[in-house]
Amino acid sequence: LNGSYVEDITWENIRVNECERLVCFKFTDTFYMGSGKGDQTYPGYVKNVTVKNVTSNSTSTSSYANGILIEGWDNNKTISNIIFENVVRNGKKLTEADKQSFVMNNYVSDIKIK
């Protein structure tokens, strides 16, 4: 994401057959494998997002297959109040303990798993 306001969004009832990274919310200075430049001088945030009833059965052997990446940019460009509800990866429903496997930085807060 560049400078963007992403708020009050729900992704619901999604079935994924193959994926590398299941969820990625991230402000970054490059994208498209480094070929595009992001511009973080613009303001922004991501908040109040729900990921609900999502199932992924990826058979990838990649180290980040079915992974979840959430990274804000700085104290003024954060990601907060993200809810994962009934998210299932390879037959296993996400639990609070699974947050330890998420890649997150210090600019992320209020991640909930139901």
PDB file of N, CA and C in Angstrom:
ATOM      1  N   LEU A   1       0.829  -1.197   0.000  1.00  0.00           N
ATOM      2  CA  LEU A   1       0.000   0.000   0.000  1.00  0.00           C
ATOM      3  C   LEU A   1       0.864   1.247   0.000  1.00  0.00           C
ATOM      4  N   ASN A   2       0.448   2.236  -0.703  1.00  0.00           N
ATOM      5  CA  ASN A   2       1.001   3.577  -0.585  1.00  0.00           C
ATOM      6  C   ASN A   2       0.225   4.273   0.524  1.00  0.00           C
ATOM      7  N   GLY A   3       0.136   5.585   0.478  1.00  0.00           N
ATOM      8  CA  GLY A   3      -0.704   6.296   1.423  1.00  0.00           C
ATOM      9  C   GLY A   3      -2.151   6.017   1.099  1.00  0.00           C
ATOM     10  N   SER A   4      -2.836   5.283   1.935  1.00  0.00           N
ATOM     11  CA  SER A   4      -4.222   4.896   1.695  1.00  0.00           C
ATOM     12  C   SER A   4      -4.946   4.802   3.019  1.00  0.00           C
ATOM     13  N   TYR A   5      -6.244   5.049   2.989  1.00  0.00           N
ATOM     14  CA  TYR A   5      -7.092   4.811   4.143  1.00  0.00           C
ATOM     15  C   TYR A   5      -7.962   3.605   3.815  1.00  0.00           C
ATOM     16  N   VAL A   6      -7.717   2.522   4.519  1.00  0.00           N
ATOM     17  CA  VAL A   6      -8.489   1.299   4.339  1.00  0.00           C
ATOM     18  C   VAL A   6      -9.211   1.062   5.653  1.00  0.00           C
ATOM     19  N   GLU A   7     -10.548   1.071   5.615  1.00  0.00           N
ATOM     20  CA  GLU A   7     -11.309   1.036   6.860  1.00  0.00           C
ATOM     21  C   GLU A   7     -12.667   0.373   6.638  1.00  0.00           C
ATOM     22  N   ASP A   8     -13.090  -0.376   7.666  1.00  0.00           N
ATOM     23  CA  ASP A   8     -14.418  -0.996   7.662  1.00  0.00           C
ATOM     24  C   ASP A   8     -14.633  -1.889   6.439  1.00  0.00           C
ATOM     25  N   ILE A   9     -13.734  -2.854   6.274  1.00  0.00           N
ATOM     26  CA  ILE A   9     -13.790  -3.794   5.148  1.00  0.00           C
ATOM     27  C   ILE A   9     -13.983  -5.204   5.705  1.00  0.00           C
ATOM     28  N   THR A  10     -14.784  -6.004   5.006  1.00  0.00           N
ATOM     29  CA  THR A  10     -14.935  -7.416   5.351  1.00  0.00           C
ATOM     30  C   THR A  10     -14.673  -8.259   4.116  1.00  0.00           C
ATOM     31  N   TRP A  11     -13.739  -9.216   4.240  1.00  0.00           N
ATOM     32  CA  TRP A  11     -13.547 -10.249   3.234  1.00  0.00           C
ATOM     33  C   TRP A  11     -14.215 -11.483   3.805  1.00  0.00           C
ATOM     34  N   GLU A  12     -15.184 -12.050   3.087  1.00  0.00           N
ATOM     35  CA  GLU A  12     -15.987 -13.118   3.671  1.00  0.00           C
ATOM     36  C   GLU A  12     -16.288 -14.211   2.645  1.00  0.00           C
ATOM     37  N   ASN A  13     -16.342 -15.454   3.159  1.00  0.00           N
ATOM     38  CA  ASN A  13     -16.719 -16.623   2.360  1.00  0.00           C
ATOM     39  C   ASN A  13     -15.802 -16.801   1.154  1.00  0.00           C
ATOM     40  N   ILE A  14     -14.511 -16.953   1.444  1.00  0.00           N
ATOM     41  CA  ILE A  14     -13.508 -17.102   0.393  1.00  0.00           C
ATOM     42  C   ILE A  14     -12.848 -18.474   0.527  1.00  0.00           C
ATOM     43  N   ARG A  15     -12.724 -19.178  -0.597  1.00  0.00           N
ATOM     44  CA  ARG A  15     -12.042 -20.461  -0.637  1.00  0.00           C
ATOM     45  C   ARG A  15     -10.809 -20.309  -1.525  1.00  0.00           C
ATOM     46  N   VAL A  16      -9.641 -20.652  -0.992  1.00  0.00           N
ATOM     47  CA  VAL A  16      -8.386 -20.516  -1.714  1.00  0.00           C
ATOM     48  C   VAL A  16      -7.823 -21.910  -1.945  1.00  0.00           C
ATOM     49  N   ASN A  17      -7.549 -22.236  -3.199  1.00  0.00           N
ATOM     50  CA  ASN A  17      -6.996 -23.563  -3.498  1.00  0.00           C
ATOM     51  C   ASN A  17      -5.485 -23.592  -3.363  1.00  0.00           C
ATOM     52  N   GLU A  18      -4.811 -22.594  -3.855  1.00  0.00           N
ATOM     53  CA  GLU A  18      -3.353 -22.525  -3.772  1.00  0.00           C
ATOM     54  C   GLU A  18      -2.955 -21.084  -3.476  1.00  0.00           C
ATOM     55  N   CYS A  19      -2.059 -20.905  -2.535  1.00  0.00           N
ATOM     56  CA  CYS A  19      -1.576 -19.555  -2.256  1.00  0.00           C
ATOM     57  C   CYS A  19      -0.188 -19.642  -1.656  1.00  0.00           C
ATOM     58  N   GLU A  20       0.515 -18.554  -1.744  1.00  0.00           N
ATOM     59  CA  GLU A  20       1.766 -18.439  -1.014  1.00  0.00           C
ATOM     60  C   GLU A  20       1.467 -17.735   0.302  1.00  0.00           C
ATOM     61  N   ARG A  21       1.133 -16.474   0.250  1.00  0.00           N
ATOM     62  CA  ARG A  21       0.779 -15.750   1.471  1.00  0.00           C
ATOM     63  C   ARG A  21      -0.729 -15.548   1.464  1.00  0.00           C
ATOM     64  N   LEU A  22      -1.392 -16.047   2.481  1.00  0.00           N
ATOM     65  CA  LEU A  22      -2.848 -15.992   2.525  1.00  0.00           C
ATOM     66  C   LEU A  22      -3.343 -14.564   2.745  1.00  0.00           C
ATOM     67  N   VAL A  23      -2.727 -13.827   3.663  1.00  0.00           N
ATOM     68  CA  VAL A  23      -3.141 -12.457   3.970  1.00  0.00           C
ATOM     69  C   VAL A  23      -1.904 -11.571   4.034  1.00  0.00           C
ATOM     70  N   CYS A  24      -1.977 -10.402   3.390  1.00  0.00           N
ATOM     71  CA  CYS A  24      -0.886  -9.433   3.455  1.00  0.00           C
ATOM     72  C   CYS A  24      -1.469  -8.026   3.527  1.00  0.00           C
ATOM     73  N   PHE A  25      -1.356  -7.408   4.684  1.00  0.00           N
ATOM     74  CA  PHE A  25      -1.674  -5.990   4.861  1.00  0.00           C
ATOM     75  C   PHE A  25      -0.350  -5.331   5.198  1.00  0.00           C
ATOM     76  N   LYS A  26       0.170  -4.505   4.297  1.00  0.00           N
ATOM     77  CA  LYS A  26       1.505  -3.962   4.522  1.00  0.00           C
ATOM     78  C   LYS A  26       1.690  -2.653   3.768  1.00  0.00           C
ATOM     79  N   PHE A  27       2.223  -1.664   4.459  1.00  0.00           N
ATOM     80  CA  PHE A  27       2.708  -0.456   3.800  1.00  0.00           C
ATOM     81  C   PHE A  27       4.157  -0.732   3.432  1.00  0.00           C
ATOM     82  N   THR A  28       4.538  -0.408   2.198  1.00  0.00           N
ATOM     83  CA  THR A  28       5.884  -0.737   1.742  1.00  0.00           C
ATOM     84  C   THR A  28       6.403   0.318   0.772  1.00  0.00           C
ATOM     85  N   ASP A  29       7.696   0.367   0.600  1.00  0.00           N
ATOM     86  CA  ASP A  29       8.266   1.339  -0.335  1.00  0.00           C
ATOM     87  C   ASP A  29       8.553   0.738  -1.710  1.00  0.00           C
ATOM     88  N   THR A  30       8.374  -0.564  -1.855  1.00  0.00           N
ATOM     89  CA  THR A  30       8.450  -1.189  -3.175  1.00  0.00           C
ATOM     90  C   THR A  30       7.370  -2.258  -3.267  1.00  0.00           C
ATOM     91  N   PHE A  31       6.952  -2.547  -4.462  1.00  0.00           N
ATOM     92  CA  PHE A  31       5.982  -3.618  -4.668  1.00  0.00           C
ATOM     93  C   PHE A  31       6.194  -4.199  -6.055  1.00  0.00           C
ATOM     94  N   TYR A  32       5.443  -5.205  -6.409  1.00  0.00           N
ATOM     95  CA  TYR A  32       5.646  -5.957  -7.647  1.00  0.00           C
ATOM     96  C   TYR A  32       7.089  -6.434  -7.747  1.00  0.00           C
ATOM     97  N   MET A  33       7.525  -7.107  -6.698  1.00  0.00           N
ATOM     98  CA  MET A  33       8.870  -7.698  -6.647  1.00  0.00           C
ATOM     99  C   MET A  33       9.954  -6.650  -6.827  1.00  0.00           C
ATOM    100  N   GLY A  34       9.709  -5.441  -6.301  1.00  0.00           N
ATOM    101  CA  GLY A  34      10.703  -4.375  -6.337  1.00  0.00           C
ATOM    102  C   GLY A  34      10.658  -3.504  -7.572  1.00  0.00           C
ATOM    103  N   SER A  35       9.798  -3.837  -8.544  1.00  0.00           N
ATOM    104  CA  SER A  35       9.764  -3.065  -9.790  1.00  0.00           C
ATOM    105  C   SER A  35       8.966  -1.772  -9.663  1.00  0.00           C
ATOM    106  N   GLY A  36       8.076  -1.683  -8.673  1.00  0.00           N
ATOM    107  CA  GLY A  36       7.295  -0.473  -8.453  1.00  0.00           C
ATOM    108  C   GLY A  36       7.721   0.199  -7.170  1.00  0.00           C
ATOM    109  N   LYS A  37       7.637   1.518  -7.137  1.00  0.00           N
ATOM    110  CA  LYS A  37       8.029   2.262  -5.939  1.00  0.00           C
ATOM    111  C   LYS A  37       6.783   2.759  -5.209  1.00  0.00           C
ATOM    112  N   GLY A  38       6.737   2.505  -3.919  1.00  0.00           N
ATOM    113  CA  GLY A  38       5.679   3.044  -3.082  1.00  0.00           C
ATOM    114  C   GLY A  38       6.058   4.435  -2.616  1.00  0.00           C
ATOM    115  N   ASP A  39       5.073   5.199  -2.181  1.00  0.00           N
ATOM    116  CA  ASP A  39       5.317   6.549  -1.687  1.00  0.00           C
ATOM    117  C   ASP A  39       4.663   6.685  -0.325  1.00  0.00           C
ATOM    118  N   GLN A  40       5.469   6.607   0.723  1.00  0.00           N
ATOM    119  CA  GLN A  40       4.930   6.645   2.079  1.00  0.00           C
ATOM    120  C   GLN A  40       4.856   8.064   2.651  1.00  0.00           C
ATOM    121  N   THR A  41       5.022   9.083   1.813  1.00  0.00           N
ATOM    122  CA  THR A  41       4.842  10.453   2.295  1.00  0.00           C
ATOM    123  C   THR A  41       3.359  10.784   2.432  1.00  0.00           C
ATOM    124  N   TYR A  42       2.496  10.031   1.769  1.00  0.00           N
ATOM    125  CA  TYR A  42       1.063  10.233   1.885  1.00  0.00           C
ATOM    126  C   TYR A  42       0.567   9.602   3.181  1.00  0.00           C
ATOM    127  N   PRO A  43      -0.436  10.185   3.830  1.00  0.00           N
ATOM    128  CA  PRO A  43      -0.962   9.598   5.071  1.00  0.00           C
ATOM    129  C   PRO A  43      -1.777   8.338   4.777  1.00  0.00           C
ATOM    130  N   GLY A  44      -2.040   7.588   5.833  1.00  0.00           N
ATOM    131  CA  GLY A  44      -2.873   6.413   5.659  1.00  0.00           C
ATOM    132  C   GLY A  44      -2.932   5.543   6.895  1.00  0.00           C
ATOM    133  N   TYR A  45      -3.817   4.572   6.846  1.00  0.00           N
ATOM    134  CA  TYR A  45      -3.932   3.554   7.888  1.00  0.00           C
ATOM    135  C   TYR A  45      -4.778   2.412   7.351  1.00  0.00           C
ATOM    136  N   VAL A  46      -4.750   1.309   8.061  1.00  0.00           N
ATOM    137  CA  VAL A  46      -5.652   0.182   7.832  1.00  0.00           C
ATOM    138  C   VAL A  46      -6.274  -0.120   9.186  1.00  0.00           C
ATOM    139  N   LYS A  47      -7.609  -0.113   9.251  1.00  0.00           N
ATOM    140  CA  LYS A  47      -8.260  -0.441  10.529  1.00  0.00           C
ATOM    141  C   LYS A  47      -9.665  -0.979  10.298  1.00  0.00           C
ATOM    142  N   ASN A  48     -10.114  -1.721  11.285  1.00  0.00           N
ATOM    143  CA  ASN A  48     -11.457  -2.303  11.276  1.00  0.00           C
ATOM    144  C   ASN A  48     -11.688  -3.191  10.054  1.00  0.00           C
ATOM    145  N   VAL A  49     -10.822  -4.189   9.921  1.00  0.00           N
ATOM    146  CA  VAL A  49     -10.920  -5.129   8.806  1.00  0.00           C
ATOM    147  C   VAL A  49     -11.237  -6.506   9.385  1.00  0.00           C
ATOM    148  N   THR A  50     -12.197  -7.192   8.765  1.00  0.00           N
ATOM    149  CA  THR A  50     -12.554  -8.546   9.169  1.00  0.00           C
ATOM    150  C   THR A  50     -12.290  -9.510   8.018  1.00  0.00           C
ATOM    151  N   VAL A  51     -11.618 -10.599   8.343  1.00  0.00           N
ATOM    152  CA  VAL A  51     -11.377 -11.693   7.412  1.00  0.00           C
ATOM    153  C   VAL A  51     -12.168 -12.868   7.979  1.00  0.00           C
ATOM    154  N   LYS A  52     -13.261 -13.246   7.304  1.00  0.00           N
ATOM    155  CA  LYS A  52     -14.231 -14.172   7.907  1.00  0.00           C
ATOM    156  C   LYS A  52     -14.580 -15.316   6.948  1.00  0.00           C
ATOM    157  N   ASN A  53     -14.644 -16.499   7.509  1.00  0.00           N
ATOM    158  CA  ASN A  53     -15.021 -17.694   6.742  1.00  0.00           C
ATOM    159  C   ASN A  53     -14.125 -17.880   5.523  1.00  0.00           C
ATOM    160  N   VAL A  54     -12.826 -17.942   5.780  1.00  0.00           N
ATOM    161  CA  VAL A  54     -11.834 -18.126   4.726  1.00  0.00           C
ATOM    162  C   VAL A  54     -11.165 -19.476   4.940  1.00  0.00           C
ATOM    163  N   THR A  55     -11.065 -20.243   3.873  1.00  0.00           N
ATOM    164  CA  THR A  55     -10.421 -21.555   3.933  1.00  0.00           C
ATOM    165  C   THR A  55      -9.347 -21.632   2.863  1.00  0.00           C
ATOM    166  N   SER A  56      -8.147 -22.054   3.265  1.00  0.00           N
ATOM    167  CA  SER A  56      -7.050 -22.238   2.313  1.00  0.00           C
ATOM    168  C   SER A  56      -6.495 -23.638   2.452  1.00  0.00           C
ATOM    169  N   ASN A  57      -6.333 -24.290   1.324  1.00  0.00           N
ATOM    170  CA  ASN A  57      -5.785 -25.643   1.298  1.00  0.00           C
ATOM    171  C   ASN A  57      -4.529 -25.701   0.441  1.00  0.00           C
ATOM    172  N   SER A  58      -3.697 -24.712   0.553  1.00  0.00           N
ATOM    173  CA  SER A  58      -2.489 -24.645  -0.265  1.00  0.00           C
ATOM    174  C   SER A  58      -1.545 -25.796   0.055  1.00  0.00           C
ATOM    175  N   THR A  59      -1.001 -26.388  -0.988  1.00  0.00           N
ATOM    176  CA  THR A  59      -0.042 -27.475  -0.809  1.00  0.00           C
ATOM    177  C   THR A  59       1.386 -26.999  -1.036  1.00  0.00           C
ATOM    178  N   SER A  60       1.578 -25.694  -1.134  1.00  0.00           N
ATOM    179  CA  SER A  60       2.916 -25.146  -1.348  1.00  0.00           C
ATOM    180  C   SER A  60       3.839 -25.539  -0.202  1.00  0.00           C
ATOM    181  N   THR A  61       5.084 -25.740  -0.512  1.00  0.00           N
ATOM    182  CA  THR A  61       6.079 -26.037   0.525  1.00  0.00           C
ATOM    183  C   THR A  61       6.906 -24.806   0.872  1.00  0.00           C
ATOM    184  N   SER A  62       6.513 -23.651   0.358  1.00  0.00           N
ATOM    185  CA  SER A  62       7.198 -22.397   0.654  1.00  0.00           C
ATOM    186  C   SER A  62       7.163 -22.112   2.152  1.00  0.00           C
ATOM    187  N   SER A  63       8.167 -21.413   2.645  1.00  0.00           N
ATOM    188  CA  SER A  63       8.222 -21.097   4.076  1.00  0.00           C
ATOM    189  C   SER A  63       7.120 -20.135   4.498  1.00  0.00           C
ATOM    190  N   TYR A  64       6.504 -19.431   3.570  1.00  0.00           N
ATOM    191  CA  TYR A  64       5.424 -18.534   3.950  1.00  0.00           C
ATOM    192  C   TYR A  64       4.072 -18.937   3.349  1.00  0.00           C
ATOM    193  N   ALA A  65       3.940 -20.178   2.918  1.00  0.00           N
ATOM    194  CA  ALA A  65       2.668 -20.674   2.405  1.00  0.00           C
ATOM    195  C   ALA A  65       1.595 -20.551   3.482  1.00  0.00           C
ATOM    196  N   ASN A  66       0.443 -20.054   3.108  1.00  0.00           N
ATOM    197  CA  ASN A  66      -0.690 -19.823   4.015  1.00  0.00           C
ATOM    198  C   ASN A  66      -0.347 -18.826   5.108  1.00  0.00           C
ATOM    199  N   GLY A  67       0.718 -18.073   4.937  1.00  0.00           N
ATOM    200  CA  GLY A  67       1.169 -17.144   5.969  1.00  0.00           C
ATOM    201  C   GLY A  67       0.333 -15.877   6.044  1.00  0.00           C
ATOM    202  N   ILE A  68       0.517 -15.176   7.148  1.00  0.00           N
ATOM    203  CA  ILE A  68      -0.171 -13.909   7.385  1.00  0.00           C
ATOM    204  C   ILE A  68       0.885 -12.861   7.729  1.00  0.00           C
ATOM    205  N   LEU A  69       0.915 -11.798   6.939  1.00  0.00           N
ATOM    206  CA  LEU A  69       1.871 -10.701   7.088  1.00  0.00           C
ATOM    207  C   LEU A  69       1.093  -9.412   7.310  1.00  0.00           C
ATOM    208  N   ILE A  70       1.399  -8.707   8.415  1.00  0.00           N
ATOM    209  CA  ILE A  70       0.718  -7.453   8.738  1.00  0.00           C
ATOM    210  C   ILE A  70       1.786  -6.479   9.228  1.00  0.00           C
ATOM    211  N   GLU A  71       2.037  -5.423   8.456  1.00  0.00           N
ATOM    212  CA  GLU A  71       3.081  -4.473   8.840  1.00  0.00           C
ATOM    213  C   GLU A  71       2.664  -3.040   8.534  1.00  0.00           C
ATOM    214  N   GLY A  72       2.618  -2.213   9.583  1.00  0.00           N
ATOM    215  CA  GLY A  72       2.424  -0.789   9.391  1.00  0.00           C
ATOM    216  C   GLY A  72       3.744  -0.155   8.985  1.00  0.00           C
ATOM    217  N   TRP A  73       3.727   1.163   8.736  1.00  0.00           N
ATOM    218  CA  TRP A  73       4.924   1.861   8.278  1.00  0.00           C
ATOM    219  C   TRP A  73       5.629   2.570   9.417  1.00  0.00           C
ATOM    220  N   ASP A  74       4.866   3.350  10.222  1.00  0.00           N
ATOM    221  CA  ASP A  74       5.424   4.085  11.361  1.00  0.00           C
ATOM    222  C   ASP A  74       4.274   4.416  12.313  1.00  0.00           C
ATOM    223  N   ASN A  75       4.535   5.246  13.334  1.00  0.00           N
ATOM    224  CA  ASN A  75       3.500   5.577  14.318  1.00  0.00           C
ATOM    225  C   ASN A  75       2.326   6.334  13.715  1.00  0.00           C
ATOM    226  N   ASN A  76       2.519   6.935  12.557  1.00  0.00           N
ATOM    227  CA  ASN A  76       1.450   7.680  11.902  1.00  0.00           C
ATOM    228  C   ASN A  76       0.771   6.898  10.782  1.00  0.00           C
ATOM    229  N   LYS A  77       1.234   5.709  10.528  1.00  0.00           N
ATOM    230  CA  LYS A  77       0.663   4.874   9.468  1.00  0.00           C
ATOM    231  C   LYS A  77       0.610   3.441   9.988  1.00  0.00           C
ATOM    232  N   THR A  78      -0.443   3.176  10.769  1.00  0.00           N
ATOM    233  CA  THR A  78      -0.560   1.914  11.509  1.00  0.00           C
ATOM    234  C   THR A  78      -1.638   1.010  10.927  1.00  0.00           C
ATOM    235  N   ILE A  79      -1.649  -0.202  11.433  1.00  0.00           N
ATOM    236  CA  ILE A  79      -2.681  -1.184  11.103  1.00  0.00           C
ATOM    237  C   ILE A  79      -3.267  -1.669  12.415  1.00  0.00           C
ATOM    238  N   SER A  80      -4.604  -1.581  12.546  1.00  0.00           N
ATOM    239  CA  SER A  80      -5.216  -1.929  13.831  1.00  0.00           C
ATOM    240  C   SER A  80      -6.620  -2.518  13.646  1.00  0.00           C
ATOM    241  N   ASN A  81      -7.025  -3.223  14.681  1.00  0.00           N
ATOM    242  CA  ASN A  81      -8.339  -3.844  14.767  1.00  0.00           C
ATOM    243  C   ASN A  81      -8.634  -4.739  13.560  1.00  0.00           C
ATOM    244  N   ILE A  82      -7.810  -5.754  13.423  1.00  0.00           N
ATOM    245  CA  ILE A  82      -7.995  -6.764  12.382  1.00  0.00           C
ATOM    246  C   ILE A  82      -8.559  -8.014  13.062  1.00  0.00           C
ATOM    247  N   ILE A  83      -9.656  -8.523  12.540  1.00  0.00           N
ATOM    248  CA  ILE A  83     -10.319  -9.692  13.117  1.00  0.00           C
ATOM    249  C   ILE A  83     -10.273 -10.839  12.118  1.00  0.00           C
ATOM    250  N   PHE A  84      -9.774 -11.968  12.568  1.00  0.00           N
ATOM    251  CA  PHE A  84      -9.807 -13.203  11.791  1.00  0.00           C
ATOM    252  C   PHE A  84     -10.858 -14.097  12.431  1.00  0.00           C
ATOM    253  N   GLU A  85     -11.925 -14.376  11.702  1.00  0.00           N
ATOM    254  CA  GLU A  85     -13.015 -15.175  12.252  1.00  0.00           C
ATOM    255  C   GLU A  85     -13.270 -16.387  11.357  1.00  0.00           C
ATOM    256  N   ASN A  86     -13.134 -17.554  11.944  1.00  0.00           N
ATOM    257  CA  ASN A  86     -13.328 -18.807  11.217  1.00  0.00           C
ATOM    258  C   ASN A  86     -12.437 -18.882   9.973  1.00  0.00           C
ATOM    259  N   VAL A  87     -11.152 -18.672  10.190  1.00  0.00           N
ATOM    260  CA  VAL A  87     -10.159 -18.807   9.126  1.00  0.00           C
ATOM    261  C   VAL A  87      -9.482 -20.165   9.307  1.00  0.00           C
ATOM    262  N   VAL A  88      -9.484 -20.959   8.245  1.00  0.00           N
ATOM    263  CA  VAL A  88      -8.978 -22.328   8.307  1.00  0.00           C
ATOM    264  C   VAL A  88      -7.859 -22.487   7.283  1.00  0.00           C
ATOM    265  N   ARG A  89      -6.683 -22.918   7.771  1.00  0.00           N
ATOM    266  CA  ARG A  89      -5.539 -23.188   6.898  1.00  0.00           C
ATOM    267  C   ARG A  89      -5.247 -24.677   6.944  1.00  0.00           C
ATOM    268  N   ASN A  90      -5.327 -25.320   5.798  1.00  0.00           N
ATOM    269  CA  ASN A  90      -5.059 -26.766   5.689  1.00  0.00           C
ATOM    270  C   ASN A  90      -5.776 -27.569   6.768  1.00  0.00           C
ATOM    271  N   GLY A  91      -7.060 -27.288   6.934  1.00  0.00           N
ATOM    272  CA  GLY A  91      -7.900 -28.046   7.846  1.00  0.00           C
ATOM    273  C   GLY A  91      -7.826 -27.634   9.301  1.00  0.00           C
ATOM    274  N   LYS A  92      -6.989 -26.659   9.649  1.00  0.00           N
ATOM    275  CA  LYS A  92      -6.835 -26.234  11.040  1.00  0.00           C
ATOM    276  C   LYS A  92      -7.321 -24.791  11.207  1.00  0.00           C
ATOM    277  N   LYS A  93      -8.302 -24.627  12.080  1.00  0.00           N
ATOM    278  CA  LYS A  93      -8.851 -23.298  12.338  1.00  0.00           C
ATOM    279  C   LYS A  93      -7.849 -22.466  13.129  1.00  0.00           C
ATOM    280  N   LEU A  94      -7.668 -21.192  12.722  1.00  0.00           N
ATOM    281  CA  LEU A  94      -6.774 -20.292  13.459  1.00  0.00           C
ATOM    282  C   LEU A  94      -7.231 -20.123  14.899  1.00  0.00           C
ATOM    283  N   THR A  95      -6.255 -20.084  15.802  1.00  0.00           N
ATOM    284  CA  THR A  95      -6.513 -19.811  17.212  1.00  0.00           C
ATOM    285  C   THR A  95      -5.624 -18.648  17.651  1.00  0.00           C
ATOM    286  N   GLU A  96      -5.856 -18.144  18.823  1.00  0.00           N
ATOM    287  CA  GLU A  96      -5.019 -17.058  19.361  1.00  0.00           C
ATOM    288  C   GLU A  96      -3.544 -17.463  19.375  1.00  0.00           C
ATOM    289  N   ALA A  97      -3.260 -18.718  19.642  1.00  0.00           N
ATOM    290  CA  ALA A  97      -1.867 -19.186  19.673  1.00  0.00           C
ATOM    291  C   ALA A  97      -1.200 -19.063  18.307  1.00  0.00           C
ATOM    292  N   ASP A  98      -1.978 -19.115  17.239  1.00  0.00           N
ATOM    293  CA  ASP A  98      -1.409 -19.013  15.894  1.00  0.00           C
ATOM    294  C   ASP A  98      -0.860 -17.626  15.592  1.00  0.00           C
ATOM    295  N   LYS A  99      -1.225 -16.622  16.362  1.00  0.00           N
ATOM    296  CA  LYS A  99      -0.691 -15.272  16.133  1.00  0.00           C
ATOM    297  C   LYS A  99       0.827 -15.252  16.227  1.00  0.00           C
ATOM    298  N   GLN A 100       1.394 -16.185  16.967  1.00  0.00           N
ATOM    299  CA  GLN A 100       2.853 -16.262  17.086  1.00  0.00           C
ATOM    300  C   GLN A 100       3.514 -16.535  15.738  1.00  0.00           C
ATOM    301  N   SER A 101       2.778 -17.146  14.808  1.00  0.00           N
ATOM    302  CA  SER A 101       3.340 -17.438  13.490  1.00  0.00           C
ATOM    303  C   SER A 101       3.124 -16.298  12.496  1.00  0.00           C
ATOM    304  N   PHE A 102       2.335 -15.294  12.863  1.00  0.00           N
ATOM    305  CA  PHE A 102       2.114 -14.155  11.976  1.00  0.00           C
ATOM    306  C   PHE A 102       3.380 -13.309  11.926  1.00  0.00           C
ATOM    307  N   VAL A 103       3.653 -12.714  10.779  1.00  0.00           N
ATOM    308  CA  VAL A 103       4.744 -11.742  10.666  1.00  0.00           C
ATOM    309  C   VAL A 103       4.107 -10.373  10.869  1.00  0.00           C
ATOM    310  N   MET A 104       4.482  -9.695  11.976  1.00  0.00           N
ATOM    311  CA  MET A 104       3.925  -8.381  12.312  1.00  0.00           C
ATOM    312  C   MET A 104       5.044  -7.503  12.848  1.00  0.00           C
ATOM    313  N   ASN A 105       4.834  -6.190  12.793  1.00  0.00           N
ATOM    314  CA  ASN A 105       5.819  -5.283  13.365  1.00  0.00           C
ATOM    315  C   ASN A 105       5.184  -4.434  14.472  1.00  0.00           C
ATOM    316  N   ASN A 106       5.923  -3.486  14.993  1.00  0.00           N
ATOM    317  CA  ASN A 106       5.473  -2.674  16.137  1.00  0.00           C
ATOM    318  C   ASN A 106       4.370  -1.698  15.799  1.00  0.00           C
ATOM    319  N   TYR A 107       3.995  -1.565  14.541  1.00  0.00           N
ATOM    320  CA  TYR A 107       2.970  -0.618  14.132  1.00  0.00           C
ATOM    321  C   TYR A 107       1.635  -1.312  13.873  1.00  0.00           C
ATOM    322  N   VAL A 108       1.463  -2.476  14.484  1.00  0.00           N
ATOM    323  CA  VAL A 108       0.248  -3.278  14.363  1.00  0.00           C
ATOM    324  C   VAL A 108      -0.322  -3.483  15.757  1.00  0.00           C
ATOM    325  N   SER A 109      -1.652  -3.328  15.894  1.00  0.00           N
ATOM    326  CA  SER A 109      -2.274  -3.542  17.202  1.00  0.00           C
ATOM    327  C   SER A 109      -3.680  -4.112  17.035  1.00  0.00           C
ATOM    328  N   ASP A 110      -4.155  -4.702  18.104  1.00  0.00           N
ATOM    329  CA  ASP A 110      -5.523  -5.219  18.192  1.00  0.00           C
ATOM    330  C   ASP A 110      -5.848  -6.243  17.101  1.00  0.00           C
ATOM    331  N   ILE A 111      -5.070  -7.304  17.072  1.00  0.00           N
ATOM    332  CA  ILE A 111      -5.328  -8.427  16.167  1.00  0.00           C
ATOM    333  C   ILE A 111      -6.090  -9.473  16.979  1.00  0.00           C
ATOM    334  N   LYS A 112      -7.256  -9.856  16.484  1.00  0.00           N
ATOM    335  CA  LYS A 112      -8.106 -10.805  17.213  1.00  0.00           C
ATOM    336  C   LYS A 112      -8.405 -12.000  16.330  1.00  0.00           C
ATOM    337  N   ILE A 113      -8.487 -13.159  16.980  1.00  0.00           N
ATOM    338  CA  ILE A 113      -8.866 -14.384  16.267  1.00  0.00           C
ATOM    339  C   ILE A 113     -10.065 -14.976  16.980  1.00  0.00           C
ATOM    340  N   LYS A 114     -11.105 -15.223  16.210  1.00  0.00           N
ATOM    341  CA  LYS A 114     -12.330 -15.820  16.762  1.00  0.00           C
ATOM    342  C   LYS A 114     -12.586 -17.165  16.127  1.00  0.00           C
TER     343      LYS A 114
END
